[in-house]
Amino acid sequence: MHQARVKRSTMPADIESSLHTVFINTDENHDGHITVDEIIDSVVGSTGLKINNKMRQGFNVVFGNPQYDLNENGSLEENEYAELIKSGMRM
């Protein structure tokens, strides 16, 4: 008898927990905010990419965008970070 294959999701079972883990690992000084420098350090540390000025400007646009930086303080709190990532994943 033929059995249908079940496609497994590549999404983590608990996305909120995963986002929290990434946030606390990115928040280098553990102040509850991720700055442009912290996100760049995280990207460089995890990928080895070199961040040029144009890429840094892109990060600055996101961090200065009230659509993501809801309280417009120039950094992202955990809820803001989670919404940014979810919007990128179309969740």
PDB file of N, CA and C in Angstrom:
ATOM      1  N   MET A   1       0.833  -1.175   0.000  1.00  0.00           N
ATOM      2  CA  MET A   1       0.000   0.000   0.000  1.00  0.00           C
ATOM      3  C   MET A   1       0.882   1.244   0.000  1.00  0.00           C
ATOM      4  N   HIS A   2       0.551   2.227  -0.816  1.00  0.00           N
ATOM      5  CA  HIS A   2       1.324   3.465  -0.940  1.00  0.00           C
ATOM      6  C   HIS A   2       0.966   4.414   0.201  1.00  0.00           C
ATOM      7  N   GLN A   3       1.995   4.950   0.859  1.00  0.00           N
ATOM      8  CA  GLN A   3       1.752   5.919   1.926  1.00  0.00           C
ATOM      9  C   GLN A   3       2.170   7.293   1.445  1.00  0.00           C
ATOM     10  N   ALA A   4       1.336   8.275   1.704  1.00  0.00           N
ATOM     11  CA  ALA A   4       1.657   9.655   1.342  1.00  0.00           C
ATOM     12  C   ALA A   4       2.750  10.176   2.261  1.00  0.00           C
ATOM     13  N   ARG A   5       3.663  10.912   1.678  1.00  0.00           N
ATOM     14  CA  ARG A   5       4.709  11.545   2.488  1.00  0.00           C
ATOM     15  C   ARG A   5       4.146  12.786   3.156  1.00  0.00           C
ATOM     16  N   VAL A   6       4.535  12.976   4.371  1.00  0.00           N
ATOM     17  CA  VAL A   6       4.108  14.151   5.120  1.00  0.00           C
ATOM     18  C   VAL A   6       5.220  15.181   5.040  1.00  0.00           C
ATOM     19  N   LYS A   7       4.879  16.355   4.532  1.00  0.00           N
ATOM     20  CA  LYS A   7       5.864  17.431   4.450  1.00  0.00           C
ATOM     21  C   LYS A   7       6.001  18.069   5.824  1.00  0.00           C
ATOM     22  N   ARG A   8       7.197  18.078   6.315  1.00  0.00           N
ATOM     23  CA  ARG A   8       7.445  18.672   7.624  1.00  0.00           C
ATOM     24  C   ARG A   8       7.740  20.159   7.477  1.00  0.00           C
ATOM     25  N   SER A   9       7.220  20.918   8.421  1.00  0.00           N
ATOM     26  CA  SER A   9       7.434  22.354   8.410  1.00  0.00           C
ATOM     27  C   SER A   9       8.874  22.661   8.789  1.00  0.00           C
ATOM     28  N   THR A  10       9.437  23.679   8.155  1.00  0.00           N
ATOM     29  CA  THR A  10      10.775  24.127   8.520  1.00  0.00           C
ATOM     30  C   THR A  10      10.704  25.207   9.592  1.00  0.00           C
ATOM     31  N   MET A  11       9.486  25.600   9.984  1.00  0.00           N
ATOM     32  CA  MET A  11       9.307  26.608  11.025  1.00  0.00           C
ATOM     33  C   MET A  11       9.498  25.947  12.386  1.00  0.00           C
ATOM     34  N   PRO A  12      10.132  26.656  13.317  1.00  0.00           N
ATOM     35  CA  PRO A  12      10.278  26.109  14.666  1.00  0.00           C
ATOM     36  C   PRO A  12       8.908  25.878  15.305  1.00  0.00           C
ATOM     37  N   ALA A  13       8.817  24.854  16.130  1.00  0.00           N
ATOM     38  CA  ALA A  13       7.561  24.551  16.803  1.00  0.00           C
ATOM     39  C   ALA A  13       7.115  25.719  17.673  1.00  0.00           C
ATOM     40  N   ASP A  14       8.035  26.390  18.290  1.00  0.00           N
ATOM     41  CA  ASP A  14       7.692  27.502  19.168  1.00  0.00           C
ATOM     42  C   ASP A  14       8.459  28.738  18.713  1.00  0.00           C
ATOM     43  N   ILE A  15       7.891  29.459  17.752  1.00  0.00           N
ATOM     44  CA  ILE A  15       8.574  30.613  17.169  1.00  0.00           C
ATOM     45  C   ILE A  15       8.863  31.686  18.214  1.00  0.00           C
ATOM     46  N   GLU A  16       7.957  31.889  19.141  1.00  0.00           N
ATOM     47  CA  GLU A  16       8.165  32.916  20.169  1.00  0.00           C
ATOM     48  C   GLU A  16       9.404  32.607  21.009  1.00  0.00           C
ATOM     49  N   SER A  17       9.566  31.359  21.378  1.00  0.00           N
ATOM     50  CA  SER A  17      10.728  30.947  22.161  1.00  0.00           C
ATOM     51  C   SER A  17      12.013  31.129  21.362  1.00  0.00           C
ATOM     52  N   SER A  18      11.958  30.777  20.090  1.00  0.00           N
ATOM     53  CA  SER A  18      13.131  30.929  19.226  1.00  0.00           C
ATOM     54  C   SER A  18      13.507  32.394  19.062  1.00  0.00           C
ATOM     55  N   LEU A  19      12.503  33.250  18.844  1.00  0.00           N
ATOM     56  CA  LEU A  19      12.774  34.685  18.700  1.00  0.00           C
ATOM     57  C   LEU A  19      13.342  35.264  19.988  1.00  0.00           C
ATOM     58  N   HIS A  20      12.827  34.813  21.121  1.00  0.00           N
ATOM     59  CA  HIS A  20      13.345  35.284  22.410  1.00  0.00           C
ATOM     60  C   HIS A  20      14.820  34.913  22.562  1.00  0.00           C
ATOM     61  N   THR A  21      15.154  33.686  22.204  1.00  0.00           N
ATOM     62  CA  THR A  21      16.542  33.233  22.302  1.00  0.00           C
ATOM     63  C   THR A  21      17.457  34.071  21.418  1.00  0.00           C
ATOM     64  N   VAL A  22      17.038  34.318  20.189  1.00  0.00           N
ATOM     65  CA  VAL A  22      17.845  35.139  19.282  1.00  0.00           C
ATOM     66  C   VAL A  22      17.975  36.556  19.840  1.00  0.00           C
ATOM     67  N   PHE A  23      16.886  37.108  20.349  1.00  0.00           N
ATOM     68  CA  PHE A  23      16.925  38.462  20.893  1.00  0.00           C
ATOM     69  C   PHE A  23      17.929  38.566  22.041  1.00  0.00           C
ATOM     70  N   ILE A  24      17.831  37.663  23.008  1.00  0.00           N
ATOM     71  CA  ILE A  24      18.735  37.783  24.163  1.00  0.00           C
ATOM     72  C   ILE A  24      20.188  37.536  23.774  1.00  0.00           C
ATOM     73  N   ASN A  25      20.415  36.723  22.751  1.00  0.00           N
ATOM     74  CA  ASN A  25      21.786  36.500  22.287  1.00  0.00           C
ATOM     75  C   ASN A  25      22.320  37.686  21.485  1.00  0.00           C
ATOM     76  N   THR A  26      21.437  38.441  20.862  1.00  0.00           N
ATOM     77  CA  THR A  26      21.843  39.612  20.085  1.00  0.00           C
ATOM     78  C   THR A  26      22.025  40.834  20.979  1.00  0.00           C
ATOM     79  N   ASP A  27      21.253  40.921  22.048  1.00  0.00           N
ATOM     80  CA  ASP A  27      21.311  42.046  22.991  1.00  0.00           C
ATOM     81  C   ASP A  27      22.559  41.889  23.864  1.00  0.00           C
ATOM     82  N   GLU A  28      23.695  42.345  23.317  1.00  0.00           N
ATOM     83  CA  GLU A  28      25.002  42.113  23.943  1.00  0.00           C
ATOM     84  C   GLU A  28      25.103  42.629  25.374  1.00  0.00           C
ATOM     85  N   ASN A  29      24.545  43.801  25.637  1.00  0.00           N
ATOM     86  CA  ASN A  29      24.674  44.369  26.985  1.00  0.00           C
ATOM     87  C   ASN A  29      23.460  44.074  27.866  1.00  0.00           C
ATOM     88  N   HIS A  30      22.535  43.281  27.350  1.00  0.00           N
ATOM     89  CA  HIS A  30      21.365  42.804  28.099  1.00  0.00           C
ATOM     90  C   HIS A  30      20.559  43.941  28.728  1.00  0.00           C
ATOM     91  N   ASP A  31      20.371  45.009  27.941  1.00  0.00           N
ATOM     92  CA  ASP A  31      19.584  46.140  28.431  1.00  0.00           C
ATOM     93  C   ASP A  31      18.135  46.120  27.931  1.00  0.00           C
ATOM     94  N   GLY A  32      17.770  45.064  27.196  1.00  0.00           N
ATOM     95  CA  GLY A  32      16.408  44.945  26.699  1.00  0.00           C
ATOM     96  C   GLY A  32      16.166  45.632  25.374  1.00  0.00           C
ATOM     97  N   HIS A  33      17.233  46.119  24.747  1.00  0.00           N
ATOM     98  CA  HIS A  33      17.146  46.803  23.457  1.00  0.00           C
ATOM     99  C   HIS A  33      18.235  46.263  22.536  1.00  0.00           C
ATOM    100  N   ILE A  34      17.906  46.155  21.243  1.00  0.00           N
ATOM    101  CA  ILE A  34      18.917  45.821  20.250  1.00  0.00           C
ATOM    102  C   ILE A  34      19.213  47.083  19.453  1.00  0.00           C
ATOM    103  N   THR A  35      20.482  47.441  19.406  1.00  0.00           N
ATOM    104  CA  THR A  35      20.905  48.609  18.636  1.00  0.00           C
ATOM    105  C   THR A  35      21.410  48.164  17.269  1.00  0.00           C
ATOM    106  N   VAL A  36      21.618  49.126  16.396  1.00  0.00           N
ATOM    107  CA  VAL A  36      22.181  48.821  15.079  1.00  0.00           C
ATOM    108  C   VAL A  36      23.520  48.111  15.237  1.00  0.00           C
ATOM    109  N   ASP A  37      24.363  48.604  16.129  1.00  0.00           N
ATOM    110  CA  ASP A  37      25.673  47.973  16.328  1.00  0.00           C
ATOM    111  C   ASP A  37      25.546  46.532  16.821  1.00  0.00           C
ATOM    112  N   GLU A  38      24.599  46.261  17.700  1.00  0.00           N
ATOM    113  CA  GLU A  38      24.427  44.897  18.199  1.00  0.00           C
ATOM    114  C   GLU A  38      23.938  43.960  17.094  1.00  0.00           C
ATOM    115  N   ILE A  39      23.023  44.422  16.263  1.00  0.00           N
ATOM    116  CA  ILE A  39      22.538  43.555  15.190  1.00  0.00           C
ATOM    117  C   ILE A  39      23.642  43.307  14.162  1.00  0.00           C
ATOM    118  N   ILE A  40      24.432  44.336  13.893  1.00  0.00           N
ATOM    119  CA  ILE A  40      25.556  44.166  12.959  1.00  0.00           C
ATOM    120  C   ILE A  40      26.577  43.191  13.533  1.00  0.00           C
ATOM    121  N   ASP A  41      26.901  43.334  14.808  1.00  0.00           N
ATOM    122  CA  ASP A  41      27.826  42.392  15.451  1.00  0.00           C
ATOM    123  C   ASP A  41      27.299  40.956  15.352  1.00  0.00           C
ATOM    124  N   SER A  42      25.994  40.801  15.538  1.00  0.00           N
ATOM    125  CA  SER A  42      25.387  39.472  15.462  1.00  0.00           C
ATOM    126  C   SER A  42      25.474  38.901  14.053  1.00  0.00           C
ATOM    127  N   VAL A  43      25.169  39.722  13.063  1.00  0.00           N
ATOM    128  CA  VAL A  43      25.228  39.268  11.669  1.00  0.00           C
ATOM    129  C   VAL A  43      26.660  38.903  11.300  1.00  0.00           C
ATOM    130  N   VAL A  44      27.598  39.758  11.639  1.00  0.00           N
ATOM    131  CA  VAL A  44      29.005  39.492  11.329  1.00  0.00           C
ATOM    132  C   VAL A  44      29.476  38.235  12.055  1.00  0.00           C
ATOM    133  N   GLY A  45      29.123  38.112  13.333  1.00  0.00           N
ATOM    134  CA  GLY A  45      29.559  36.966  14.117  1.00  0.00           C
ATOM    135  C   GLY A  45      28.979  35.645  13.639  1.00  0.00           C
ATOM    136  N   SER A  46      27.744  35.678  13.164  1.00  0.00           N
ATOM    137  CA  SER A  46      27.112  34.421  12.757  1.00  0.00           C
ATOM    138  C   SER A  46      27.330  34.073  11.288  1.00  0.00           C
ATOM    139  N   THR A  47      27.646  35.067  10.464  1.00  0.00           N
ATOM    140  CA  THR A  47      27.798  34.789   9.028  1.00  0.00           C
ATOM    141  C   THR A  47      29.191  35.072   8.494  1.00  0.00           C
ATOM    142  N   GLY A  48      29.930  35.924   9.191  1.00  0.00           N
ATOM    143  CA  GLY A  48      31.246  36.311   8.698  1.00  0.00           C
ATOM    144  C   GLY A  48      31.204  37.394   7.635  1.00  0.00           C
ATOM    145  N   LEU A  49      30.007  37.894   7.328  1.00  0.00           N
ATOM    146  CA  LEU A  49      29.886  38.962   6.334  1.00  0.00           C
ATOM    147  C   LEU A  49      30.599  40.222   6.788  1.00  0.00           C
ATOM    148  N   LYS A  50      31.074  40.964   5.840  1.00  0.00           N
ATOM    149  CA  LYS A  50      31.614  42.286   6.132  1.00  0.00           C
ATOM    150  C   LYS A  50      30.509  43.281   5.810  1.00  0.00           C
ATOM    151  N   ILE A  51      30.214  44.151   6.743  1.00  0.00           N
ATOM    152  CA  ILE A  51      29.133  45.122   6.583  1.00  0.00           C
ATOM    153  C   ILE A  51      29.716  46.426   6.060  1.00  0.00           C
ATOM    154  N   ASN A  52      29.269  46.825   4.876  1.00  0.00           N
ATOM    155  CA  ASN A  52      29.745  48.085   4.312  1.00  0.00           C
ATOM    156  C   ASN A  52      28.783  49.218   4.692  1.00  0.00           C
ATOM    157  N   ASN A  53      29.112  50.437   4.288  1.00  0.00           N
ATOM    158  CA  ASN A  53      28.297  51.590   4.665  1.00  0.00           C
ATOM    159  C   ASN A  53      26.870  51.509   4.136  1.00  0.00           C
ATOM    160  N   LYS A  54      26.704  50.987   2.928  1.00  0.00           N
ATOM    161  CA  LYS A  54      25.362  50.871   2.352  1.00  0.00           C
ATOM    162  C   LYS A  54      24.502  49.893   3.169  1.00  0.00           C
ATOM    163  N   MET A  55      25.101  48.793   3.595  1.00  0.00           N
ATOM    164  CA  MET A  55      24.370  47.832   4.423  1.00  0.00           C
ATOM    165  C   MET A  55      24.036  48.445   5.781  1.00  0.00           C
ATOM    166  N   ARG A  56      24.981  49.173   6.361  1.00  0.00           N
ATOM    167  CA  ARG A  56      24.739  49.843   7.645  1.00  0.00           C
ATOM    168  C   ARG A  56      23.593  50.833   7.505  1.00  0.00           C
ATOM    169  N   GLN A  57      23.541  51.560   6.389  1.00  0.00           N
ATOM    170  CA  GLN A  57      22.447  52.499   6.155  1.00  0.00           C
ATOM    171  C   GLN A  57      21.109  51.760   6.110  1.00  0.00           C
ATOM    172  N   GLY A  58      21.111  50.573   5.516  1.00  0.00           N
ATOM    173  CA  GLY A  58      19.896  49.760   5.485  1.00  0.00           C
ATOM    174  C   GLY A  58      19.418  49.400   6.883  1.00  0.00           C
ATOM    175  N   PHE A  59      20.339  49.004   7.743  1.00  0.00           N
ATOM    176  CA  PHE A  59      19.971  48.718   9.131  1.00  0.00           C
ATOM    177  C   PHE A  59      19.440  49.971   9.806  1.00  0.00           C
ATOM    178  N   ASN A  60      20.083  51.106   9.556  1.00  0.00           N
ATOM    179  CA  ASN A  60      19.631  52.364  10.156  1.00  0.00           C
ATOM    180  C   ASN A  60      18.219  52.722   9.716  1.00  0.00           C
ATOM    181  N   VAL A  61      17.878  52.416   8.464  1.00  0.00           N
ATOM    182  CA  VAL A  61      16.526  52.691   7.966  1.00  0.00           C
ATOM    183  C   VAL A  61      15.510  51.866   8.753  1.00  0.00           C
ATOM    184  N   VAL A  62      15.804  50.597   8.972  1.00  0.00           N
ATOM    185  CA  VAL A  62      14.887  49.743   9.727  1.00  0.00           C
ATOM    186  C   VAL A  62      14.767  50.238  11.160  1.00  0.00           C
ATOM    187  N   PHE A  63      15.903  50.525  11.786  1.00  0.00           N
ATOM    188  CA  PHE A  63      15.880  50.932  13.194  1.00  0.00           C
ATOM    189  C   PHE A  63      15.281  52.315  13.379  1.00  0.00           C
ATOM    190  N   GLY A  64      15.245  53.118  12.340  1.00  0.00           N
ATOM    191  CA  GLY A  64      14.642  54.444  12.428  1.00  0.00           C
ATOM    192  C   GLY A  64      13.227  54.498  11.886  1.00  0.00           C
ATOM    193  N   ASN A  65      12.680  53.340  11.526  1.00  0.00           N
ATOM    194  CA  ASN A  65      11.357  53.281  10.917  1.00  0.00           C
ATOM    195  C   ASN A  65      10.304  53.044  12.000  1.00  0.00           C
ATOM    196  N   PRO A  66       9.359  53.983  12.160  1.00  0.00           N
ATOM    197  CA  PRO A  66       8.338  53.803  13.196  1.00  0.00           C
ATOM    198  C   PRO A  66       7.432  52.590  12.966  1.00  0.00           C
ATOM    199  N   GLN A  67       7.478  52.011  11.772  1.00  0.00           N
ATOM    200  CA  GLN A  67       6.723  50.781  11.530  1.00  0.00           C
ATOM    201  C   GLN A  67       7.307  49.644  12.363  1.00  0.00           C
ATOM    202  N   TYR A  68       8.607  49.678  12.610  1.00  0.00           N
ATOM    203  CA  TYR A  68       9.274  48.642  13.397  1.00  0.00           C
ATOM    204  C   TYR A  68       9.690  49.162  14.766  1.00  0.00           C
ATOM    205  N   ASP A  69      10.259  50.342  14.810  1.00  0.00           N
ATOM    206  CA  ASP A  69      10.673  50.968  16.069  1.00  0.00           C
ATOM    207  C   ASP A  69       9.476  51.767  16.589  1.00  0.00           C
ATOM    208  N   LEU A  70       8.537  51.072  17.207  1.00  0.00           N
ATOM    209  CA  LEU A  70       7.245  51.655  17.565  1.00  0.00           C
ATOM    210  C   LEU A  70       7.353  52.853  18.498  1.00  0.00           C
ATOM    211  N   ASN A  71       8.303  52.821  19.421  1.00  0.00           N
ATOM    212  CA  ASN A  71       8.455  53.948  20.338  1.00  0.00           C
ATOM    213  C   ASN A  71       9.507  54.943  19.854  1.00  0.00           C
ATOM    214  N   GLU A  72      10.040  54.717  18.674  1.00  0.00           N
ATOM    215  CA  GLU A  72      10.972  55.623  17.999  1.00  0.00           C
ATOM    216  C   GLU A  72      12.146  56.054  18.873  1.00  0.00           C
ATOM    217  N   ASN A  73      12.748  55.071  19.562  1.00  0.00           N
ATOM    218  CA  ASN A  73      13.908  55.381  20.398  1.00  0.00           C
ATOM    219  C   ASN A  73      15.232  54.991  19.754  1.00  0.00           C
ATOM    220  N   GLY A  74      15.184  54.525  18.494  1.00  0.00           N
ATOM    221  CA  GLY A  74      16.410  54.194  17.773  1.00  0.00           C
ATOM    222  C   GLY A  74      16.942  52.806  18.037  1.00  0.00           C
ATOM    223  N   SER A  75      16.219  52.012  18.820  1.00  0.00           N
ATOM    224  CA  SER A  75      16.592  50.624  19.068  1.00  0.00           C
ATOM    225  C   SER A  75      15.321  49.787  19.028  1.00  0.00           C
ATOM    226  N   LEU A  76      15.491  48.482  19.009  1.00  0.00           N
ATOM    227  CA  LEU A  76      14.336  47.590  18.974  1.00  0.00           C
ATOM    228  C   LEU A  76      14.229  46.818  20.276  1.00  0.00           C
ATOM    229  N   GLU A  77      13.050  46.894  20.887  1.00  0.00           N
ATOM    230  CA  GLU A  77      12.763  46.074  22.050  1.00  0.00           C
ATOM    231  C   GLU A  77      12.323  44.698  21.537  1.00  0.00           C
ATOM    232  N   GLU A  78      12.179  43.751  22.444  1.00  0.00           N
ATOM    233  CA  GLU A  78      11.896  42.379  22.030  1.00  0.00           C
ATOM    234  C   GLU A  78      10.606  42.271  21.219  1.00  0.00           C
ATOM    235  N   ASN A  79       9.549  42.958  21.627  1.00  0.00           N
ATOM    236  CA  ASN A  79       8.295  42.865  20.873  1.00  0.00           C
ATOM    237  C   ASN A  79       8.439  43.468  19.481  1.00  0.00           C
ATOM    238  N   GLU A  80       9.195  44.548  19.358  1.00  0.00           N
ATOM    239  CA  GLU A  80       9.416  45.179  18.061  1.00  0.00           C
ATOM    240  C   GLU A  80      10.255  44.271  17.163  1.00  0.00           C
ATOM    241  N   TYR A  81      11.279  43.669  17.736  1.00  0.00           N
ATOM    242  CA  TYR A  81      12.136  42.745  16.994  1.00  0.00           C
ATOM    243  C   TYR A  81      11.320  41.554  16.488  1.00  0.00           C
ATOM    244  N   ALA A  82      10.490  41.004  17.371  1.00  0.00           N
ATOM    245  CA  ALA A  82       9.668  39.843  16.999  1.00  0.00           C
ATOM    246  C   ALA A  82       8.738  40.196  15.838  1.00  0.00           C
ATOM    247  N   GLU A  83       8.122  41.351  15.887  1.00  0.00           N
ATOM    248  CA  GLU A  83       7.218  41.759  14.800  1.00  0.00           C
ATOM    249  C   GLU A  83       7.977  41.968  13.498  1.00  0.00           C
ATOM    250  N   LEU A  84       9.182  42.532  13.569  1.00  0.00           N
ATOM    251  CA  LEU A  84      10.006  42.717  12.375  1.00  0.00           C
ATOM    252  C   LEU A  84      10.323  41.368  11.739  1.00  0.00           C
ATOM    253  N   ILE A  85      10.767  40.422  12.531  1.00  0.00           N
ATOM    254  CA  ILE A  85      11.131  39.107  12.006  1.00  0.00           C
ATOM    255  C   ILE A  85       9.897  38.394  11.467  1.00  0.00           C
ATOM    256  N   LYS A  86       8.803  38.440  12.181  1.00  0.00           N
ATOM    257  CA  LYS A  86       7.572  37.793  11.718  1.00  0.00           C
ATOM    258  C   LYS A  86       7.093  38.409  10.401  1.00  0.00           C
ATOM    259  N   SER A  87       7.218  39.728  10.274  1.00  0.00           N
ATOM    260  CA  SER A  87       6.787  40.368   9.022  1.00  0.00           C
ATOM    261  C   SER A  87       7.672  39.920   7.868  1.00  0.00           C
ATOM    262  N   GLY A  88       8.944  39.705   8.141  1.00  0.00           N
ATOM    263  CA  GLY A  88       9.853  39.204   7.116  1.00  0.00           C
ATOM    264  C   GLY A  88       9.564  37.765   6.733  1.00  0.00           C
ATOM    265  N   MET A  89       8.983  37.021   7.664  1.00  0.00           N
ATOM    266  CA  MET A  89       8.630  35.628   7.415  1.00  0.00           C
ATOM    267  C   MET A  89       7.186  35.507   6.919  1.00  0.00           C
ATOM    268  N   ARG A  90       6.519  36.644   6.816  1.00  0.00           N
ATOM    269  CA  ARG A  90       5.104  36.704   6.388  1.00  0.00           C
ATOM    270  C   ARG A  90       4.208  35.882   7.294  1.00  0.00           C
ATOM    271  N   MET A  91       4.387  36.055   8.597  1.00  0.00           N
ATOM    272  CA  MET A  91       3.579  35.318   9.578  1.00  0.00           C
ATOM    273  C   MET A  91       2.433  36.190  10.062  1.00  0.00           C
TER     274      MET A  91
END
